[in-house]
Amino acid sequence: MRGLRRFVFILVVGALLAAIPLSAVASESFLSSSVRQAEVAFNQSLSMAVGGGLQQAEADSLMWRYSQVQATRSSAWWQTPVAEHTKLDMIGQLQTELNTIYGMQLTDSRDAMQRQLHRWNLLIAEAHTDTISADGFDVDPARFTASAAMLTTPNGFSALATVLSEQYVILDGRMAAFRGARTQVDAAAENARTLLANAAQYPQLSVAGFRDQLTAALAGVDSVHSADAFAPILAQLQQTAAGIQGLLNARSGAFNQLADTRSTLATAQRIGAVVGNRVGVINALAGQLGTAADQGAFQSLTSQLYQQKQALASAIFTKQMAPVSYNAGVGKIIVISLSRQVLTAYQDGTAVLTTFVATGRPQLPTPPGVYRIFHRYSPYKMISPWPYGSPYWYPDSWTNWAMEFAGGGYFIHDAPWRSWYGPGSNIYNGTHGCVNVPYSPMSFLWNWAPIGTTVVVQY
C-alpha cells in the first residue's frame, strides 16, 4: 500500500514538472503574437500619421526609437517573457506618444485653418462694406465651414488654410489697388476743385465747361467696384485739371508779358529810342486782357505783346548801337562811352565800327580822358596785380589781342571768359579798369588800330 502511494506521488510530481515548460512555451507564444500585433498596429498608425501630415522630425524620431525596440533580444530562454513584456510596453508607449503628437498637430492645424477662415470672413465683410468687387471668389463662409468639418488630417487643414491664404492675398491686393485708385481719384478731384476755385476768382474767365466736366467725371465714382474702373475717371479729372491749369497759365503768361513789354517800353522811352505808336497799341492789348475769357485769347494777346516787345528791343538796340557822338576829325580815333558801354571807331570822321563793351566796375573804373595806344600784344597773359585773397584777385588769363592805352595796365582787349557786354555790364560784372571787347570787333580793332591811335574815354 505504501508502495502504491509512493508511485502515485512520483507520477504527480513528474506531471507537474512536465507541465512547466509546456506552460512557458504557451505563454511565450502568446506574448510574441501580442508583440507582432502591436508592431503591425504601430506601423499602420505611423504610416497613416505620416500620410496625414505628421511632421517629418517627429516621424523620424518615433521610427528610430521603434527600431531600437525591435532590436531588443533576451540572452536566455527563461528571460524571453520578460523581454517580450518590455517590448510590448515600449511599443504601447510609442503608440500613445504618436497619438498625442499627432493629435496636437491636428489641433494646431485645425486652429490655424480656423484663424485663416476668420481672417478671410473679415476681409470679405470689409470688401462688401467698401463695395469692392469680390467676383471670382467663394464668399460663402458656410462652404468653407462645411469643408473643414469633413477634414481629419493636418494636411487637409493645411491645404484648406493655404487656399484661404492665397485667396486672401489676391483679394487683399485687389482691395489695396482699389483704395489706391480711389485715393488717386480723390486727389485729382481735389486738385481740379482747387484750380476751379482759383479760376473762379476772375469772373471773366470761361470755366462753366470745366465745372460740367468735373461734375460728369465724379458722377459715377460711387458705382465703381474695381481699380480698373477708376482709370477713365482719373483720366477725365486729370484732363479737366490740365485744362484749367492751362487757362490760368495762359492768363498769367499774358499779364507777365504785358509787364515785360511795358518795362521794355519804359527803357526805350528813357533812352530816347523811336517807339512810334506802340504806346497806344500796348494799351489797347492791355484793355483786351481784362476781358479775355479763354486760353486761346490769352495766347493770342501774349503773342501780340511779345511782338511789340521785340520791336521795342530792336529800337533800343538801334539807339544803343548808334555811334558815340564825337567830333573825330582826320585820322583813326577810338571813342568809348562809359555811360552807354559802347565803343565807336572813327576813320577820318566816319564811324567804321560800333560795338558794346564792358568797362571798369564802380570800384575800379576805367579812367576818362584822351590817350594813345602805346603797346600791342598778341597773345597776352593778364596777371593779377592784386594778391591772392584780395577781392580783386583773378587767375592768370590769356587774351588773343591786347592794346595798352593808359599807364598802369589799362588795355583794350578781348575777353574769352566774358559773355555780357553793353549797358549794366560795368555795374554788375565790370572789369578791373580795362575795356573788354567781343571777339569779332576786337579782331577788327587789332588789324585796324596801330600804335599811336587816339583813344577817347568819356562819360
Protein backbone atom coordinates (compact mmCIF):
# COMPACT_ATOMS: atom_id res chain seq x y z
CA MET A 1 0.00 0.00 0.00
CA ARG A 2 2.77 2.31 0.94
CA GLY A 3 4.48 1.46 -2.36
CA LEU A 4 1.37 2.43 -4.32
CA ARG A 5 1.14 5.82 -2.67
CA ARG A 6 4.78 6.49 -3.46
CA PHE A 7 4.23 5.59 -7.09
CA VAL A 8 1.23 7.94 -7.37
CA PHE A 9 3.27 10.77 -5.79
CA ILE A 10 6.06 10.25 -8.28
CA LEU A 11 3.59 10.37 -11.17
CA VAL A 12 2.03 13.65 -9.94
CA VAL A 13 5.39 15.30 -9.42
CA GLY A 14 6.52 14.18 -12.89
CA ALA A 15 3.37 15.55 -14.47
CA LEU A 16 3.83 18.86 -12.76
CA LEU A 17 7.46 19.09 -13.84
CA ALA A 18 6.46 18.30 -17.43
CA ALA A 19 3.74 20.98 -17.41
CA ILE A 20 6.14 23.85 -16.54
CA PRO A 21 7.98 24.04 -19.90
CA LEU A 22 4.71 23.46 -21.77
CA SER A 23 3.17 26.43 -19.97
CA ALA A 24 6.23 28.54 -20.60
CA VAL A 25 6.10 27.73 -24.29
CA ALA A 26 2.43 28.60 -24.47
CA SER A 27 2.98 31.90 -22.64
CA GLU A 28 5.92 32.85 -24.87
CA SER A 29 3.87 32.14 -28.00
CA PHE A 30 1.04 34.36 -26.73
CA LEU A 31 3.44 37.26 -25.92
CA SER A 32 5.13 37.02 -29.31
CA SER A 33 1.75 37.22 -31.04
CA SER A 34 0.80 40.29 -28.99
CA VAL A 35 4.09 41.99 -29.84
CA ARG A 36 3.59 41.29 -33.54
CA GLN A 37 0.08 42.70 -33.41
CA ALA A 38 1.33 45.81 -31.58
CA GLU A 39 4.10 46.26 -34.15
CA VAL A 40 1.63 45.99 -37.04
CA ALA A 41 -0.74 48.42 -35.35
CA PHE A 42 2.06 50.93 -34.67
CA ASN A 43 3.38 50.71 -38.23
CA GLN A 44 -0.09 51.31 -39.58
CA SER A 45 -0.68 54.22 -37.23
CA LEU A 46 2.68 55.78 -38.07
CA SER A 47 2.11 55.36 -41.82
CA MET A 48 -1.33 56.93 -41.57
CA ALA A 49 0.05 59.78 -39.43
CA VAL A 50 2.86 60.48 -41.91
CA GLY A 51 0.40 60.39 -44.78
CA GLY A 52 -1.88 62.73 -42.87
CA GLY A 53 0.84 65.28 -42.30
CA LEU A 54 2.84 64.26 -39.23
CA GLN A 55 5.93 66.42 -39.05
CA GLN A 56 8.96 64.68 -40.52
CA ALA A 57 11.17 65.28 -37.50
CA GLU A 58 8.62 63.70 -35.19
CA ALA A 59 8.14 60.74 -37.54
CA ASP A 60 11.89 60.17 -37.81
CA SER A 61 12.29 60.25 -34.01
CA LEU A 62 9.48 57.77 -33.43
CA MET A 63 10.77 55.47 -36.17
CA TRP A 64 14.27 55.45 -34.74
CA ARG A 65 13.02 54.67 -31.26
CA TYR A 66 10.77 51.93 -32.71
CA SER A 67 13.78 50.37 -34.44
CA GLN A 68 15.57 50.33 -31.10
CA VAL A 69 12.62 48.50 -29.53
CA GLN A 70 12.60 45.92 -32.34
CA ALA A 71 16.28 45.27 -31.76
CA THR A 72 15.61 44.21 -28.15
CA ARG A 73 16.64 40.50 -27.60
CA SER A 74 16.83 38.19 -24.50
CA SER A 75 20.10 36.46 -23.62
CA ALA A 76 18.46 33.24 -22.25
CA TRP A 77 15.23 31.36 -22.85
CA TRP A 78 13.90 31.99 -19.36
CA GLN A 79 14.34 35.77 -19.90
CA THR A 80 12.22 35.80 -23.08
CA PRO A 81 8.87 36.52 -21.39
CA VAL A 82 10.32 39.48 -19.55
CA ALA A 83 11.88 40.88 -22.78
CA GLU A 84 8.62 40.41 -24.70
CA HIS A 85 6.64 42.15 -21.96
CA THR A 86 9.11 45.05 -22.03
CA LYS A 87 8.90 45.32 -25.82
CA LEU A 88 5.11 45.27 -25.70
CA ASP A 89 5.08 48.05 -23.10
CA MET A 90 7.52 50.19 -25.09
CA ILE A 91 5.51 49.81 -28.30
CA GLY A 92 2.44 50.81 -26.32
CA GLN A 93 4.27 53.90 -25.06
CA LEU A 94 5.33 54.78 -28.62
CA GLN A 95 1.74 54.35 -29.81
CA THR A 96 0.48 56.61 -27.04
CA GLU A 97 3.13 59.22 -27.82
CA LEU A 98 2.30 59.02 -31.55
CA ASN A 99 -1.38 59.53 -30.80
CA THR A 100 -0.58 62.51 -28.57
CA ILE A 101 1.79 64.20 -31.02
CA TYR A 102 -0.49 63.63 -33.99
CA GLY A 103 -3.49 64.85 -32.02
CA MET A 104 -1.69 68.04 -31.02
CA GLN A 105 -0.58 68.64 -34.61
CA LEU A 106 -4.12 68.02 -35.81
CA THR A 107 -5.43 70.54 -33.29
CA ASP A 108 -2.82 73.10 -34.27
CA SER A 109 -3.61 72.67 -37.98
CA ARG A 110 -7.32 72.97 -37.31
CA ASP A 111 -6.78 76.12 -35.22
CA ALA A 112 -4.56 77.67 -37.90
CA MET A 113 -7.19 76.94 -40.51
CA GLN A 114 -9.89 78.47 -38.31
CA ARG A 115 -7.82 81.62 -37.83
CA GLN A 116 -7.28 81.89 -41.58
CA LEU A 117 -11.00 81.33 -42.17
CA HIS A 118 -11.80 84.06 -39.65
CA ARG A 119 -9.43 86.48 -41.41
CA TRP A 120 -10.97 85.57 -44.76
CA ASN A 121 -14.51 86.19 -43.49
CA LEU A 122 -13.47 89.58 -42.08
CA LEU A 123 -11.88 90.51 -45.40
CA ILE A 124 -14.98 89.52 -47.34
CA ALA A 125 -17.11 91.63 -44.99
CA GLU A 126 -14.72 94.56 -45.42
CA ALA A 127 -14.86 94.26 -49.20
CA HIS A 128 -18.65 94.19 -49.05
CA THR A 129 -18.74 97.27 -46.81
CA ASP A 130 -16.43 99.18 -49.16
CA THR A 131 -18.39 97.97 -52.21
CA ILE A 132 -15.26 96.36 -53.64
CA SER A 133 -15.92 93.58 -56.12
CA ALA A 134 -15.18 90.04 -54.89
CA ASP A 135 -16.02 88.42 -58.22
CA GLY A 136 -14.22 85.13 -58.74
CA PHE A 137 -14.03 84.30 -55.02
CA ASP A 138 -16.15 81.94 -52.92
CA VAL A 139 -17.66 84.43 -50.48
CA ASP A 140 -19.99 81.96 -48.69
CA PRO A 141 -18.46 81.23 -45.25
CA ALA A 142 -20.68 78.14 -44.86
CA ARG A 143 -18.92 76.37 -47.72
CA PHE A 144 -15.52 76.57 -46.05
CA THR A 145 -17.01 75.67 -42.65
CA ALA A 146 -18.65 72.58 -44.14
CA SER A 147 -15.44 71.59 -45.88
CA ALA A 148 -13.48 71.99 -42.65
CA ALA A 149 -15.93 69.74 -40.78
CA MET A 150 -15.07 66.84 -43.06
CA LEU A 151 -11.31 67.13 -42.62
CA THR A 152 -9.46 64.65 -40.39
CA THR A 153 -5.76 65.24 -41.06
CA PRO A 154 -3.28 68.09 -40.57
CA ASN A 155 -2.58 68.00 -44.30
CA GLY A 156 -6.24 68.54 -45.03
CA PHE A 157 -6.47 71.53 -42.72
CA SER A 158 -3.19 72.94 -44.05
CA ALA A 159 -4.38 72.59 -47.65
CA LEU A 160 -7.60 74.46 -46.85
CA ALA A 161 -5.67 77.13 -44.94
CA THR A 162 -3.35 77.52 -47.94
CA VAL A 163 -6.30 78.00 -50.27
CA LEU A 164 -7.75 80.62 -47.94
CA SER A 165 -4.38 82.34 -47.60
CA GLU A 166 -3.88 82.52 -51.37
CA GLN A 167 -7.39 83.85 -51.85
CA TYR A 168 -6.79 86.35 -49.05
CA VAL A 169 -3.61 87.68 -50.68
CA ILE A 170 -5.34 88.09 -54.05
CA LEU A 171 -8.43 89.82 -52.64
CA ASP A 172 -6.36 91.95 -50.27
CA GLY A 173 -4.25 93.07 -53.25
CA ARG A 174 -7.40 93.86 -55.20
CA MET A 175 -8.70 95.92 -52.30
CA ALA A 176 -5.38 97.75 -51.93
CA ALA A 177 -5.40 98.54 -55.65
CA PHE A 178 -8.99 99.75 -55.37
CA ARG A 179 -8.20 102.03 -52.46
CA GLY A 180 -5.05 103.33 -54.15
CA ALA A 181 -7.01 104.12 -57.30
CA ARG A 182 -9.76 105.77 -55.25
CA THR A 183 -7.15 107.87 -53.43
CA GLN A 184 -5.74 108.99 -56.78
CA VAL A 185 -9.21 109.92 -57.99
CA ASP A 186 -9.96 111.83 -54.79
CA ALA A 187 -6.65 113.71 -55.03
CA ALA A 188 -7.25 114.51 -58.70
CA ALA A 189 -10.76 115.71 -57.91
CA GLU A 190 -9.49 117.93 -55.10
CA ASN A 191 -6.80 119.35 -57.37
CA ALA A 192 -9.39 120.11 -60.05
CA ARG A 193 -11.69 121.77 -57.49
CA THR A 194 -8.83 123.91 -56.18
CA LEU A 195 -7.87 125.01 -59.68
CA LEU A 196 -11.51 125.73 -60.47
CA ALA A 197 -11.79 127.87 -57.34
CA ASN A 198 -8.63 129.76 -58.35
CA ALA A 199 -10.04 130.37 -61.82
CA ALA A 200 -13.36 131.50 -60.35
CA GLN A 201 -11.55 134.49 -58.79
CA TYR A 202 -11.57 136.03 -62.27
CA PRO A 203 -15.24 136.41 -63.27
CA GLN A 204 -14.40 136.97 -66.93
CA LEU A 205 -12.85 133.51 -67.33
CA SER A 206 -14.93 130.86 -69.06
CA VAL A 207 -14.98 127.95 -66.60
CA ALA A 208 -18.54 126.60 -66.93
CA GLY A 209 -17.35 123.83 -69.26
CA PHE A 210 -14.69 122.73 -66.80
CA ARG A 211 -17.24 122.67 -63.98
CA ASP A 212 -19.54 120.44 -66.06
CA GLN A 213 -16.63 118.12 -66.87
CA LEU A 214 -15.78 117.79 -63.19
CA THR A 215 -19.37 117.03 -62.24
CA ALA A 216 -19.71 114.43 -65.00
CA ALA A 217 -16.46 112.70 -64.06
CA LEU A 218 -17.43 112.37 -60.40
CA ALA A 219 -20.99 111.26 -61.04
CA GLY A 220 -20.05 107.59 -61.39
CA VAL A 221 -17.46 107.32 -58.63
CA ASP A 222 -19.75 105.68 -56.06
CA SER A 223 -20.80 102.96 -58.50
CA VAL A 224 -17.21 101.85 -59.17
CA HIS A 225 -16.24 98.49 -57.64
CA SER A 226 -12.78 97.81 -59.10
CA ALA A 227 -9.49 99.65 -59.50
CA ASP A 228 -9.57 99.38 -63.30
CA ALA A 229 -12.91 101.16 -63.46
CA PHE A 230 -11.35 104.25 -61.86
CA ALA A 231 -8.86 104.69 -64.75
CA PRO A 232 -11.18 106.57 -67.17
CA ILE A 233 -12.49 108.75 -64.31
CA LEU A 234 -8.94 109.62 -63.25
CA ALA A 235 -8.01 110.43 -66.85
CA GLN A 236 -11.02 112.75 -67.20
CA LEU A 237 -10.22 114.53 -63.93
CA GLN A 238 -6.58 114.99 -64.93
CA GLN A 239 -7.63 116.30 -68.33
CA THR A 240 -10.03 118.77 -66.71
CA ALA A 241 -7.36 119.93 -64.26
CA ALA A 242 -4.86 120.32 -67.10
CA GLY A 243 -7.36 122.45 -69.00
CA ILE A 244 -7.98 124.73 -66.03
CA GLN A 245 -4.26 124.97 -65.30
CA GLY A 246 -3.62 125.77 -68.94
CA LEU A 247 -6.15 128.61 -68.78
CA LEU A 248 -4.61 130.01 -65.59
CA ASN A 249 -1.09 129.69 -67.01
CA ALA A 250 -2.15 131.42 -70.22
CA ARG A 251 -3.68 134.28 -68.24
CA SER A 252 -0.62 134.61 -66.01
CA GLY A 253 1.70 134.42 -69.02
CA ALA A 254 -0.21 137.14 -70.82
CA PHE A 255 -0.08 139.53 -67.86
CA ASN A 256 3.61 138.77 -67.34
CA GLN A 257 4.23 139.52 -70.99
CA LEU A 258 2.33 142.80 -70.61
CA ALA A 259 4.54 143.79 -67.65
CA ASP A 260 7.69 142.80 -69.55
CA THR A 261 6.61 144.73 -72.64
CA ARG A 262 5.79 147.83 -70.61
CA SER A 263 9.19 147.61 -68.90
CA THR A 264 10.88 147.45 -72.31
CA LEU A 265 8.76 150.41 -73.44
CA ALA A 266 9.91 152.42 -70.42
CA THR A 267 13.55 151.66 -71.24
CA ALA A 268 13.06 152.69 -74.86
CA GLN A 269 11.42 155.95 -73.82
CA ARG A 270 14.13 156.68 -71.26
CA ILE A 271 16.98 156.45 -73.76
CA GLY A 272 15.05 158.23 -76.47
CA ALA A 273 14.54 155.29 -78.83
CA VAL A 274 11.93 155.64 -81.57
CA VAL A 275 8.74 153.90 -80.36
CA GLY A 276 6.18 155.20 -82.86
CA ASN A 277 2.56 154.35 -81.97
CA ARG A 278 3.47 151.38 -79.81
CA VAL A 279 2.23 153.03 -76.62
CA GLY A 280 -1.34 153.05 -77.99
CA VAL A 281 -1.07 149.51 -79.32
CA ILE A 282 0.20 148.17 -76.00
CA ASN A 283 -2.55 149.93 -74.05
CA ALA A 284 -5.18 148.52 -76.40
CA LEU A 285 -3.86 145.00 -75.91
CA ALA A 286 -3.85 145.57 -72.13
CA GLY A 287 -7.52 146.51 -72.33
CA GLN A 288 -8.32 143.29 -74.18
CA LEU A 289 -6.58 141.30 -71.44
CA GLY A 290 -9.21 142.49 -68.97
CA THR A 291 -11.98 140.79 -70.95
CA ALA A 292 -10.20 137.70 -72.31
CA ALA A 293 -12.01 134.54 -71.24
CA ASP A 294 -10.27 131.50 -72.71
CA GLN A 295 -6.81 130.10 -73.25
CA GLY A 296 -6.74 130.87 -76.97
CA ALA A 297 -7.47 134.56 -76.41
CA PHE A 298 -4.72 134.87 -73.81
CA GLN A 299 -2.20 133.09 -76.04
CA SER A 300 -3.06 135.39 -78.96
CA LEU A 301 -2.61 138.52 -76.81
CA THR A 302 0.66 137.15 -75.41
CA SER A 303 1.96 136.68 -78.93
CA GLN A 304 0.97 140.22 -79.95
CA LEU A 305 2.56 141.73 -76.85
CA TYR A 306 5.73 139.75 -77.48
CA GLN A 307 5.92 141.17 -81.00
CA GLN A 308 5.63 144.68 -79.56
CA LYS A 309 8.38 143.93 -77.07
CA GLN A 310 10.67 142.61 -79.78
CA ALA A 311 10.09 145.71 -81.88
CA LEU A 312 10.92 147.89 -78.87
CA ALA A 313 14.03 145.83 -78.12
CA SER A 314 15.14 146.37 -81.71
CA ALA A 315 14.59 150.12 -81.34
CA ILE A 316 16.60 150.08 -78.10
CA PHE A 317 19.44 148.18 -79.74
CA THR A 318 19.47 150.61 -82.66
CA LYS A 319 19.61 153.52 -80.25
CA GLN A 320 22.28 151.94 -78.06
CA MET A 321 24.39 150.91 -81.02
CA ALA A 322 24.37 154.36 -82.58
CA PRO A 323 27.94 155.63 -82.93
CA VAL A 324 29.21 157.54 -79.93
CA SER A 325 28.88 161.20 -80.79
CA TYR A 326 32.32 162.80 -81.18
CA ASN A 327 33.95 165.40 -83.41
CA ALA A 328 36.53 162.94 -84.67
CA GLY A 329 38.32 164.94 -87.35
CA VAL A 330 41.01 163.34 -89.51
CA GLY A 331 42.71 160.03 -88.68
CA LYS A 332 41.84 157.00 -86.59
CA ILE A 333 40.12 157.57 -83.25
CA ILE A 334 38.54 155.10 -80.81
CA VAL A 335 35.79 156.66 -78.67
CA ILE A 336 34.48 154.80 -75.59
CA SER A 337 31.26 155.85 -73.82
CA LEU A 338 31.20 154.81 -70.15
CA SER A 339 27.51 155.67 -69.74
CA ARG A 340 26.43 153.70 -72.82
CA GLN A 341 29.10 150.97 -72.65
CA VAL A 342 29.67 151.47 -76.36
CA LEU A 343 32.88 151.79 -78.41
CA THR A 344 32.96 153.52 -81.81
CA ALA A 345 35.95 153.57 -84.16
CA TYR A 346 36.22 156.58 -86.48
CA GLN A 347 38.21 156.80 -89.71
CA ASP A 348 38.55 160.42 -90.84
CA GLY A 349 35.32 161.38 -89.11
CA THR A 350 33.32 158.36 -90.34
CA ALA A 351 32.25 155.59 -87.95
CA VAL A 352 33.66 152.28 -89.18
CA LEU A 353 32.77 150.15 -86.11
CA THR A 354 30.35 150.38 -83.20
CA THR A 355 30.13 147.65 -80.55
CA PHE A 356 29.04 147.06 -76.98
CA VAL A 357 31.88 146.80 -74.48
CA ALA A 358 32.37 146.24 -70.74
CA THR A 359 34.41 148.79 -68.80
CA GLY A 360 35.66 149.01 -65.21
CA ARG A 361 33.46 148.23 -62.25
CA PRO A 362 32.50 151.08 -59.88
CA GLN A 363 35.41 150.29 -57.51
CA LEU A 364 37.96 150.08 -60.35
CA PRO A 365 36.60 152.38 -63.07
CA THR A 366 38.10 152.96 -66.48
CA PRO A 367 39.58 156.49 -66.26
CA PRO A 368 38.05 159.07 -68.65
CA GLY A 369 40.48 161.10 -70.77
CA VAL A 370 42.31 161.23 -74.08
CA TYR A 371 45.05 158.61 -74.61
CA ARG A 372 47.07 156.90 -77.29
CA ILE A 373 47.82 153.23 -77.83
CA PHE A 374 51.43 152.65 -76.88
CA HIS A 375 51.71 148.83 -76.68
CA ARG A 376 50.18 145.97 -78.68
CA TYR A 377 50.40 142.27 -77.75
CA SER A 378 49.10 139.06 -79.35
CA PRO A 379 48.57 136.90 -77.43
CA TYR A 380 48.83 138.39 -73.96
CA LYS A 381 48.52 136.91 -70.47
CA MET A 382 46.76 139.05 -67.89
CA ILE A 383 48.37 138.64 -64.43
CA SER A 384 46.60 139.95 -61.34
CA PRO A 385 48.47 142.80 -59.59
CA TRP A 386 46.36 142.06 -56.51
CA PRO A 387 47.45 139.23 -54.17
CA TYR A 388 45.54 136.01 -53.74
CA GLY A 389 42.79 136.58 -51.19
CA SER A 390 42.10 140.10 -52.36
CA PRO A 391 38.53 140.67 -53.63
CA TYR A 392 40.12 141.94 -56.87
CA TRP A 393 42.48 138.99 -57.43
CA TYR A 394 41.96 136.95 -60.59
CA PRO A 395 43.77 133.93 -62.03
CA ASP A 396 46.19 134.28 -64.95
CA SER A 397 44.06 134.81 -68.06
CA TRP A 398 45.09 134.68 -71.74
CA THR A 399 43.70 137.07 -74.35
CA ASN A 400 44.12 136.98 -78.12
CA TRP A 401 44.76 140.70 -78.58
CA ALA A 402 45.60 143.47 -76.11
CA MET A 403 46.30 147.18 -76.79
CA GLU A 404 47.50 149.28 -73.83
CA PHE A 405 46.26 152.87 -73.93
CA ALA A 406 46.90 154.22 -70.40
CA GLY A 407 49.72 153.67 -67.93
CA GLY A 408 49.05 151.31 -65.06
CA GLY A 409 47.79 148.41 -67.16
CA TYR A 410 44.70 149.82 -68.90
CA PHE A 411 44.09 147.76 -72.05
CA ILE A 412 41.53 147.36 -74.81
CA HIS A 413 41.35 143.56 -75.21
CA ASP A 414 39.13 140.61 -75.96
CA ALA A 415 37.83 138.53 -73.04
CA PRO A 416 37.19 134.82 -73.83
CA TRP A 417 35.70 134.34 -70.33
CA ARG A 418 33.03 137.04 -70.74
CA SER A 419 29.53 136.78 -72.25
CA TRP A 420 27.93 140.04 -71.08
CA TYR A 421 28.69 143.36 -72.78
CA GLY A 422 26.75 146.60 -73.02
CA PRO A 423 24.61 148.63 -70.57
CA GLY A 424 24.86 147.39 -66.98
CA SER A 425 27.79 145.07 -67.58
CA ASN A 426 30.21 147.50 -65.92
CA ILE A 427 27.95 147.87 -62.86
CA TYR A 428 27.26 144.20 -62.14
CA ASN A 429 30.10 142.44 -63.96
CA GLY A 430 32.67 145.14 -64.62
CA THR A 431 36.34 144.80 -65.41
CA HIS A 432 39.36 145.82 -63.34
CA GLY A 433 39.63 149.01 -65.39
CA CYS A 434 40.29 147.59 -68.86
CA VAL A 435 37.87 147.78 -71.80
CA ASN A 436 36.61 144.31 -72.78
CA VAL A 437 35.57 143.97 -76.43
CA PRO A 438 33.77 140.96 -78.05
CA TYR A 439 35.95 138.67 -80.16
CA SER A 440 34.93 139.77 -83.68
CA PRO A 441 35.04 143.57 -83.10
CA MET A 442 38.36 143.17 -81.25
CA SER A 443 39.78 141.27 -84.22
CA PHE A 444 38.85 144.25 -86.42
CA LEU A 445 40.37 146.77 -84.00
CA TRP A 446 43.63 144.81 -83.75
CA ASN A 447 44.10 144.87 -87.51
CA TRP A 448 42.85 148.46 -87.82
CA ALA A 449 44.46 150.42 -84.92
CA PRO A 450 48.25 150.82 -84.90
CA ILE A 451 50.36 152.18 -82.07
CA GLY A 452 49.61 155.88 -81.68
CA THR A 453 45.87 155.56 -82.37
CA THR A 454 43.93 158.07 -80.25
CA VAL A 455 41.62 156.63 -77.55
CA VAL A 456 38.97 158.89 -76.03
CA VAL A 457 37.20 157.66 -72.87
CA GLN A 458 34.18 159.80 -71.97
CA TYR A 459 31.07 159.58 -69.89
